[in-house]
Amino acid sequence: MALTAITNARVFDGEKTLGVQTVVINGDKIARVGGAAPRDSEIVDGSGATLLPGLIDAHVHSAPGSLALALRFGVTTELEMQGMNTRENRGLITDDDTVADVRSSGFAITPPGGHPSELMPEGFRPKWDLPPVMPLMPFSTTPEEAAAFVPQLLARGSDFIKFMIDDGSVEGHPGLPTLDQATVNAGVAEARKYGALTVAHALTVEATRMAAEAGIDGVTHVFMDQPRTAEIISLIKDAGMFVIPCISLNASMMGITGSALADDPRVAARLDSKWDQTLRSSYNRYPQGKLDDVYDTVRALDAAGIDVLAGTDVSMPETFFGGLAHGASLHHELQYLVTAGLTPSRALRAATATTARRFHLSDRGRIAEGLRADLLLVDGDPTSNISDTLNTRAIWRRGTRLSE
């Protein structure tokens, strides 16, 4: 099998900078980090560039073509927080090196008429290619129903279990049906019996508090309804939860579009007109929100040693899901994390090693011998200037270089 040696590039291994090292790919795995390039290997000269692990977006909702779009931006894995790419449906994706890999919760536990139903315009029907097996719809209003759905979801191929804790107040639909504490507690307790990871959609302080009380492993948003307090930061830390802030989504909810990102020629060249239009729009459902409060919360989470993961909540190319685009918005999220106060290296960890560790993806997220050769080579040094992550020179998914 032909070897590929990436030489003369600075290496950020997902956790730290290793300096200039040679990284050798053998088939779909990283064969070696360091040393000289083997004889007869294909040489990729990385002079002036930085080699990163393939990026992981920790919060997406897939759409037709979205996994291919993500990979064009060096996002080699997406974590689907509601959708159809459960194990029973993604056989072709797993072996397709032209698209990002994916893990999925399937559909989240939520009451009938609960979130996310309020986000859909009346009469809207997404244009999906239906999967071989339709995912389970785990609508629950009681602890018994939630607990009963957990083993069914896992049997049907959900990689983790998601709970929607949302009363609709942030989306402009106060009084939306939502899970109560007892129902979340019962579902989480049942998931724990199976060793399953649990996550919760939580946009408010109260929903975050409910998730922590239930023993949720992580929340897929940072609250945006209030400034942070020392008490809520301590509660998250003591619960051992990770947080996927999705600052890019919060900004969109506040009416901030992704137009500046869409204007970046490094982004524009990779988007079609529909995604460009979507990125230039916004959700605009919580204009009273304050992005500075979100930044302050994220900074406090990081300072407290809480694991912060990079995710976007990107969905489909529709303007009512605006401000986001697959792949591109993860780079935007990294920029937002640095603006919030994370160092570039900590932001990069949030999109590589930290997410892989918290979601038990032990085969990726780092550059180390024996791991998947999911790699991103970029011009410049994103550990100094986070915007350099968009300077794509080459992308590998399982050792296969993506064609330009």
Protein backbone atom coordinates (compact mmCIF):
# COMPACT_ATOMS: atom_id res chain seq x y z
CA MET A 1 0.00 0.00 0.00
CA ALA A 2 1.38 3.42 -0.97
CA LEU A 3 2.60 5.63 1.84
CA THR A 4 2.07 9.39 2.03
CA ALA A 5 4.45 11.57 4.02
CA ILE A 6 3.45 15.11 4.94
CA THR A 7 6.71 16.92 5.56
CA ASN A 8 7.89 20.34 6.85
CA ALA A 9 4.51 21.27 8.39
CA ARG A 10 3.93 22.44 11.93
CA VAL A 11 1.77 19.83 13.65
CA PHE A 12 -1.02 20.58 16.10
CA ASP A 13 -1.93 17.12 17.34
CA GLY A 14 -5.35 18.03 18.75
CA GLU A 15 -4.00 18.91 22.16
CA LYS A 16 -0.69 20.67 21.67
CA THR A 17 1.78 21.91 19.09
CA LEU A 18 4.54 19.42 18.23
CA GLY A 19 6.60 21.74 16.06
CA VAL A 20 7.64 20.73 12.56
CA GLN A 21 7.21 16.97 12.15
CA THR A 22 6.78 14.44 9.37
CA VAL A 23 3.42 12.62 9.50
CA VAL A 24 3.17 9.36 7.57
CA ILE A 25 -0.15 7.97 6.29
CA ASN A 26 -0.45 4.26 5.52
CA GLY A 27 -3.83 3.42 4.01
CA ASP A 28 -6.54 4.92 6.22
CA LYS A 29 -4.36 5.29 9.33
CA ILE A 30 -1.61 7.51 10.65
CA ALA A 31 1.44 5.26 10.62
CA ARG A 32 3.96 7.54 12.28
CA VAL A 33 4.50 11.02 13.69
CA GLY A 34 8.11 12.17 13.52
CA GLY A 35 11.24 10.83 11.87
CA ALA A 36 12.15 10.92 8.22
CA ALA A 37 9.85 10.30 5.29
CA PRO A 38 10.00 6.65 4.22
CA ARG A 39 11.63 5.89 0.91
CA ASP A 40 9.18 5.58 -1.99
CA SER A 41 6.45 7.49 -0.14
CA GLU A 42 4.45 10.21 -1.85
CA ILE A 43 5.70 13.50 -0.43
CA VAL A 44 3.34 16.34 0.40
CA ASP A 45 5.44 19.41 1.24
CA GLY A 46 3.79 21.26 4.11
CA SER A 47 6.25 24.14 4.26
CA GLY A 48 4.56 27.23 5.67
CA ALA A 49 1.50 25.24 6.71
CA THR A 50 0.04 23.64 9.81
CA LEU A 51 -1.33 20.10 9.96
CA LEU A 52 -4.44 19.66 12.13
CA PRO A 53 -6.67 16.71 12.91
CA GLY A 54 -9.81 16.74 10.81
CA LEU A 55 -12.28 19.07 12.50
CA ILE A 56 -15.39 17.83 14.34
CA ASP A 57 -18.60 19.87 14.45
CA ALA A 58 -20.28 18.80 17.68
CA HIS A 59 -23.78 20.04 16.77
CA VAL A 60 -25.37 19.76 13.34
CA HIS A 61 -28.56 18.68 11.61
CA SER A 62 -27.84 17.08 8.26
CA ALA A 63 -29.44 18.05 4.97
CA PRO A 64 -29.01 16.69 1.43
CA GLY A 65 -25.42 17.36 0.39
CA SER A 66 -24.41 18.75 3.76
CA LEU A 67 -21.83 16.08 4.60
CA ALA A 68 -20.01 16.74 1.32
CA LEU A 69 -20.08 20.48 2.00
CA ALA A 70 -18.70 19.97 5.50
CA LEU A 71 -15.78 17.93 4.21
CA ARG A 72 -14.85 20.66 1.71
CA PHE A 73 -14.12 22.83 4.76
CA GLY A 74 -12.01 20.18 6.50
CA VAL A 75 -14.80 19.05 8.83
CA THR A 76 -14.27 15.29 8.70
CA THR A 77 -16.89 14.36 11.33
CA GLU A 78 -20.27 15.87 12.18
CA LEU A 79 -22.32 15.01 15.28
CA GLU A 80 -25.97 15.07 14.32
CA MET A 81 -28.15 16.25 17.21
CA GLN A 82 -31.41 15.30 15.53
CA GLY A 83 -31.70 13.55 12.21
CA MET A 84 -31.69 10.35 10.23
CA ASN A 85 -28.05 9.25 10.12
CA THR A 86 -28.29 6.56 12.79
CA ARG A 87 -26.18 3.41 12.45
CA GLU A 88 -28.88 1.60 10.49
CA ASN A 89 -28.90 4.32 7.82
CA ARG A 90 -25.30 5.40 7.38
CA GLY A 91 -23.60 2.34 5.93
CA LEU A 92 -22.78 4.10 2.68
CA ILE A 93 -21.55 7.23 4.47
CA THR A 94 -19.07 5.28 6.57
CA ASP A 95 -17.16 4.12 3.49
CA ASP A 96 -17.57 7.27 1.36
CA ASP A 97 -14.44 9.38 1.57
CA THR A 98 -16.06 12.26 -0.36
CA VAL A 99 -18.28 13.17 2.62
CA ALA A 100 -17.81 13.81 6.33
CA ASP A 101 -18.40 10.93 8.70
CA VAL A 102 -21.35 11.31 11.05
CA ARG A 103 -22.72 10.16 14.41
CA SER A 104 -26.34 10.76 15.35
CA SER A 105 -28.80 10.87 18.22
CA GLY A 106 -31.62 10.00 15.85
CA PHE A 107 -34.63 12.01 17.01
CA ALA A 108 -34.66 13.63 20.43
CA ILE A 109 -37.02 12.89 23.29
CA THR A 110 -39.55 15.75 23.33
CA PRO A 111 -43.28 16.14 23.98
CA PRO A 112 -45.76 16.17 21.08
CA GLY A 113 -45.80 19.72 19.75
CA GLY A 114 -42.59 20.55 21.59
CA HIS A 115 -39.32 21.93 20.26
CA PRO A 116 -38.35 22.04 17.40
CA SER A 117 -41.85 22.11 15.90
CA GLU A 118 -42.17 25.86 16.48
CA LEU A 119 -39.25 26.56 14.13
CA MET A 120 -41.00 25.22 11.05
CA PRO A 121 -43.12 27.65 8.99
CA GLU A 122 -46.68 26.48 8.46
CA GLY A 123 -46.85 24.04 5.57
CA PHE A 124 -43.06 23.61 5.33
CA ARG A 125 -41.91 20.14 4.33
CA PRO A 126 -38.17 19.52 4.07
CA LYS A 127 -36.99 17.95 0.83
CA TRP A 128 -35.45 14.80 2.28
CA ASP A 129 -34.35 11.67 0.53
CA LEU A 130 -36.03 9.22 2.88
CA PRO A 131 -33.60 6.79 4.53
CA PRO A 132 -33.98 3.00 4.36
CA VAL A 133 -35.30 2.99 7.94
CA MET A 134 -37.29 5.92 9.30
CA PRO A 135 -35.98 6.95 12.73
CA LEU A 136 -38.09 6.47 15.82
CA MET A 137 -40.07 9.54 16.95
CA PRO A 138 -39.78 9.34 20.76
CA PHE A 139 -42.55 11.75 21.78
CA SER A 140 -42.81 11.60 25.57
CA THR A 141 -44.88 13.29 28.24
CA THR A 142 -44.23 11.01 31.22
CA PRO A 143 -41.19 9.47 32.92
CA GLU A 144 -42.36 6.01 31.87
CA GLU A 145 -42.58 6.97 28.20
CA ALA A 146 -39.14 8.59 28.16
CA ALA A 147 -37.52 5.60 29.88
CA ALA A 148 -39.21 3.14 27.51
CA PHE A 149 -37.93 4.97 24.42
CA VAL A 150 -34.25 4.90 25.47
CA PRO A 151 -33.54 1.19 24.73
CA GLN A 152 -35.59 1.44 21.55
CA LEU A 153 -33.51 4.38 20.32
CA LEU A 154 -30.27 2.58 21.10
CA ALA A 155 -31.48 -0.60 19.38
CA ARG A 156 -32.36 1.45 16.31
CA GLY A 157 -28.84 2.88 16.05
CA SER A 158 -28.78 6.11 18.03
CA ASP A 159 -25.20 6.86 19.10
CA PHE A 160 -26.32 9.00 22.04
CA ILE A 161 -29.62 10.10 23.56
CA LYS A 162 -30.85 13.67 23.28
CA PHE A 163 -33.49 15.44 25.36
CA MET A 164 -35.22 18.70 24.39
CA ILE A 165 -35.66 20.94 27.45
CA ASP A 166 -37.23 24.04 25.93
CA ASP A 167 -40.32 26.05 26.90
CA GLY A 168 -40.14 28.13 23.72
CA SER A 169 -39.37 31.41 25.49
CA VAL A 170 -36.18 32.10 23.52
CA GLU A 171 -37.78 31.21 20.19
CA GLY A 172 -40.74 33.52 20.73
CA HIS A 173 -43.16 30.69 21.61
CA PRO A 174 -43.55 30.83 25.42
CA GLY A 175 -45.63 28.04 26.84
CA LEU A 176 -44.36 25.43 24.38
CA PRO A 177 -44.86 21.88 25.67
CA THR A 178 -41.66 20.79 27.38
CA LEU A 179 -40.24 17.88 29.35
CA ASP A 180 -40.54 18.17 33.11
CA GLN A 181 -37.79 17.29 35.56
CA ALA A 182 -39.13 13.86 36.41
CA THR A 183 -39.31 12.87 32.75
CA VAL A 184 -35.75 14.00 32.03
CA ASN A 185 -34.52 12.28 35.18
CA ALA A 186 -36.15 8.99 34.19
CA GLY A 187 -34.79 9.07 30.64
CA VAL A 188 -31.26 9.88 31.78
CA ALA A 189 -31.33 7.18 34.45
CA GLU A 190 -32.43 4.62 31.86
CA ALA A 191 -29.69 5.70 29.44
CA ARG A 192 -27.12 5.31 32.20
CA LYS A 193 -28.13 1.67 32.60
CA TYR A 194 -26.98 1.09 29.02
CA GLY A 195 -23.85 3.20 29.32
CA ALA A 196 -25.26 5.64 26.77
CA LEU A 197 -24.08 9.23 26.47
CA THR A 198 -26.80 11.83 27.07
CA VAL A 199 -27.11 15.40 25.83
CA ALA A 200 -29.73 18.10 26.28
CA HIS A 201 -30.90 21.03 24.21
CA ALA A 202 -31.05 23.88 26.73
CA LEU A 203 -31.19 27.57 25.79
CA THR A 204 -32.03 28.98 29.23
CA VAL A 205 -30.48 28.94 32.67
CA GLU A 206 -33.44 26.98 34.05
CA ALA A 207 -33.19 24.32 31.32
CA THR A 208 -29.45 24.05 31.99
CA ARG A 209 -30.17 23.62 35.70
CA MET A 210 -32.66 20.84 34.91
CA ALA A 211 -30.08 19.07 32.73
CA ALA A 212 -27.47 19.23 35.50
CA GLU A 213 -29.91 17.92 38.09
CA ALA A 214 -30.80 14.99 35.84
CA GLY A 215 -27.14 14.02 35.36
CA ILE A 216 -26.93 14.86 31.64
CA ASP A 217 -23.42 14.43 30.21
CA GLY A 218 -23.50 17.64 28.20
CA VAL A 219 -25.65 20.51 26.96
CA THR A 220 -25.74 21.30 23.25
CA HIS A 221 -26.12 25.08 23.72
CA VAL A 222 -25.05 27.73 26.17
CA PHE A 223 -27.92 29.61 27.80
CA MET A 224 -28.69 33.00 26.33
CA ASP A 225 -31.57 34.33 28.44
CA GLN A 226 -29.49 35.66 31.34
CA PRO A 227 -25.96 36.69 32.23
CA ARG A 228 -24.02 33.92 33.90
CA THR A 229 -23.69 33.67 37.65
CA ALA A 230 -21.02 31.96 39.70
CA GLU A 231 -23.74 29.58 40.90
CA ILE A 232 -24.70 28.26 37.45
CA ILE A 233 -21.05 27.88 36.41
CA SER A 234 -20.38 25.88 39.58
CA LEU A 235 -23.46 23.75 38.96
CA ILE A 236 -22.25 22.85 35.44
CA LYS A 237 -18.76 22.11 36.72
CA ASP A 238 -19.91 20.00 39.66
CA ALA A 239 -22.16 17.99 37.33
CA GLY A 240 -19.16 17.20 35.10
CA MET A 241 -21.05 18.40 32.04
CA PHE A 242 -19.50 19.56 28.80
CA VAL A 243 -20.97 22.54 26.95
CA ILE A 244 -21.32 23.06 23.21
CA PRO A 245 -21.92 26.83 23.20
CA CYS A 246 -22.96 27.23 19.54
CA ILE A 247 -22.13 30.94 19.73
CA SER A 248 -22.75 31.20 16.00
CA LEU A 249 -26.34 30.01 16.57
CA ASN A 250 -26.85 32.42 19.47
CA ALA A 251 -25.62 35.28 17.29
CA SER A 252 -28.07 34.28 14.58
CA MET A 253 -30.91 34.09 17.13
CA MET A 254 -30.04 37.69 18.03
CA GLY A 255 -30.35 38.77 14.38
CA ILE A 256 -26.65 38.73 13.53
CA THR A 257 -26.13 37.30 10.05
CA GLY A 258 -23.16 35.40 8.67
CA SER A 259 -22.64 37.92 5.86
CA ALA A 260 -19.09 38.78 6.90
CA LEU A 261 -18.21 35.09 6.72
CA ALA A 262 -19.99 34.73 3.36
CA ASP A 263 -17.94 37.66 2.03
CA ASP A 264 -14.68 35.88 2.84
CA PRO A 265 -13.42 34.59 -0.52
CA ARG A 266 -12.14 31.44 1.21
CA VAL A 267 -15.76 30.68 2.07
CA ALA A 268 -17.57 32.08 -0.95
CA ALA A 269 -15.67 29.80 -3.33
CA ARG A 270 -17.12 26.73 -1.62
CA LEU A 271 -20.78 27.72 -1.25
CA ASP A 272 -23.59 27.50 -3.78
CA SER A 273 -26.19 30.28 -4.03
CA LYS A 274 -28.65 28.61 -1.66
CA TRP A 275 -26.11 28.21 1.13
CA ASP A 276 -24.78 31.72 0.49
CA GLN A 277 -28.31 33.10 0.88
CA THR A 278 -28.81 31.07 4.06
CA LEU A 279 -25.53 32.22 5.57
CA ARG A 280 -26.46 35.85 4.89
CA SER A 281 -29.74 35.44 6.82
CA SER A 282 -30.47 34.88 10.51
CA TYR A 283 -32.95 33.22 12.86
CA ASN A 284 -33.67 36.64 14.49
CA ARG A 285 -35.92 35.12 17.18
CA TYR A 286 -34.25 36.65 20.25
CA PRO A 287 -33.08 40.16 19.26
CA GLN A 288 -33.07 41.23 22.91
CA GLY A 289 -30.21 38.86 23.63
CA LYS A 290 -26.73 40.17 24.38
CA LEU A 291 -23.80 38.47 22.67
CA ASP A 292 -21.41 39.96 25.22
CA ASP A 293 -23.23 38.00 27.93
CA VAL A 294 -22.72 34.81 25.91
CA TYR A 295 -19.02 35.60 25.49
CA ASP A 296 -18.73 36.19 29.23
CA THR A 297 -20.41 32.86 29.98
CA VAL A 298 -18.15 30.93 27.61
CA ARG A 299 -15.08 32.63 29.07
CA ALA A 300 -16.20 31.67 32.56
CA LEU A 301 -16.88 28.06 31.54
CA ASP A 302 -13.39 27.77 30.08
CA ALA A 303 -11.77 29.44 33.09
CA ALA A 304 -13.55 26.96 35.37
CA GLY A 305 -12.03 24.03 33.49
CA ILE A 306 -15.34 22.92 31.97
CA ASP A 307 -14.94 21.17 28.62
CA VAL A 308 -16.08 23.52 25.86
CA LEU A 309 -16.80 21.84 22.50
CA ALA A 310 -17.11 23.53 19.11
CA GLY A 311 -20.50 23.15 17.45
CA THR A 312 -22.74 25.25 15.26
CA ASP A 313 -26.35 23.93 15.14
CA VAL A 314 -26.21 24.30 11.37
CA SER A 315 -29.20 22.75 9.65
CA MET A 316 -30.58 23.05 6.11
CA PRO A 317 -30.26 25.75 3.44
CA GLU A 318 -33.34 27.75 4.37
CA THR A 319 -33.28 31.41 5.39
CA PHE A 320 -35.34 30.76 8.54
CA PHE A 321 -32.39 28.62 9.69
CA GLY A 322 -30.06 31.43 8.62
CA GLY A 323 -26.64 32.61 9.62
CA LEU A 324 -25.10 29.14 9.30
CA ALA A 325 -23.62 26.83 6.66
CA HIS A 326 -22.13 23.36 7.05
CA GLY A 327 -18.36 23.39 7.37
CA ALA A 328 -17.95 27.13 7.03
CA SER A 329 -19.72 27.89 10.29
CA LEU A 330 -17.43 25.67 12.33
CA HIS A 331 -14.56 27.95 11.32
CA HIS A 332 -16.77 30.88 12.34
CA GLU A 333 -17.42 29.17 15.68
CA LEU A 334 -13.68 28.87 16.28
CA GLN A 335 -13.37 32.60 15.66
CA TYR A 336 -16.26 33.27 18.06
CA LEU A 337 -14.62 31.09 20.74
CA VAL A 338 -11.40 33.08 20.47
CA THR A 339 -13.35 36.34 20.64
CA ALA A 340 -14.98 35.00 23.81
CA GLY A 341 -11.54 34.56 25.37
CA LEU A 342 -10.28 31.07 24.52
CA THR A 343 -6.77 30.86 23.16
CA PRO A 344 -6.57 29.64 19.56
CA SER A 345 -5.12 26.35 20.77
CA ARG A 346 -7.99 25.82 23.20
CA ALA A 347 -10.47 26.61 20.45
CA LEU A 348 -8.77 24.05 18.18
CA ARG A 349 -8.97 21.45 20.95
CA ALA A 350 -12.70 22.17 21.16
CA ALA A 351 -13.05 21.07 17.52
CA THR A 352 -10.72 18.06 17.75
CA ALA A 353 -9.42 16.17 20.79
CA THR A 354 -11.87 17.45 23.41
CA THR A 355 -14.94 16.60 21.35
CA ALA A 356 -13.52 13.21 20.39
CA ARG A 357 -12.85 12.41 24.05
CA ARG A 358 -16.24 13.48 25.34
CA PHE A 359 -18.12 11.59 22.60
CA HIS A 360 -15.92 8.49 22.98
CA LEU A 361 -14.55 8.75 19.42
CA SER A 362 -11.23 7.18 20.34
CA ASP A 363 -10.10 6.72 16.73
CA ARG A 364 -10.00 10.40 15.71
CA GLY A 365 -9.59 13.98 16.88
CA ARG A 366 -5.81 13.71 17.31
CA ILE A 367 -2.72 13.16 15.20
CA ALA A 368 -1.18 10.04 16.66
CA GLU A 369 0.03 6.68 15.45
CA GLY A 370 -2.77 4.22 14.71
CA LEU A 371 -5.60 6.76 14.52
CA ARG A 372 -7.72 7.57 11.47
CA ALA A 373 -5.91 9.69 8.92
CA ASP A 374 -8.50 12.47 9.08
CA LEU A 375 -6.31 15.49 8.50
CA LEU A 376 -6.47 19.15 7.50
CA LEU A 377 -3.45 21.03 6.13
CA VAL A 378 -3.79 24.81 6.20
CA ASP A 379 -1.48 27.64 5.22
CA GLY A 380 -0.30 29.72 8.15
CA ASP A 381 -0.54 28.99 11.86
CA PRO A 382 -4.04 28.84 13.39
CA THR A 383 -2.53 28.42 16.87
CA SER A 384 -1.57 32.09 16.48
CA ASN A 385 -4.29 33.32 14.10
CA ILE A 386 -7.45 31.23 14.29
CA SER A 387 -8.70 32.54 10.94
CA ASP A 388 -5.93 30.54 9.26
CA THR A 389 -8.09 27.40 9.62
CA LEU A 390 -9.82 28.56 6.43
CA ASN A 391 -6.56 28.57 4.42
CA THR A 392 -7.14 25.04 3.14
CA ARG A 393 -4.24 23.40 1.34
CA ALA A 394 -5.29 19.74 1.60
CA ILE A 395 -7.89 17.52 3.30
CA TRP A 396 -7.70 13.78 3.98
CA ARG A 397 -10.57 11.58 5.11
CA ARG A 398 -9.35 8.11 6.17
CA GLY A 399 -6.13 8.74 4.28
CA THR A 400 -7.90 9.60 1.02
CA ARG A 401 -7.09 13.10 -0.16
CA LEU A 402 -10.13 15.10 -1.18
CA SER A 403 -10.02 16.11 -4.82
CA GLU A 404 -10.00 19.85 -5.39
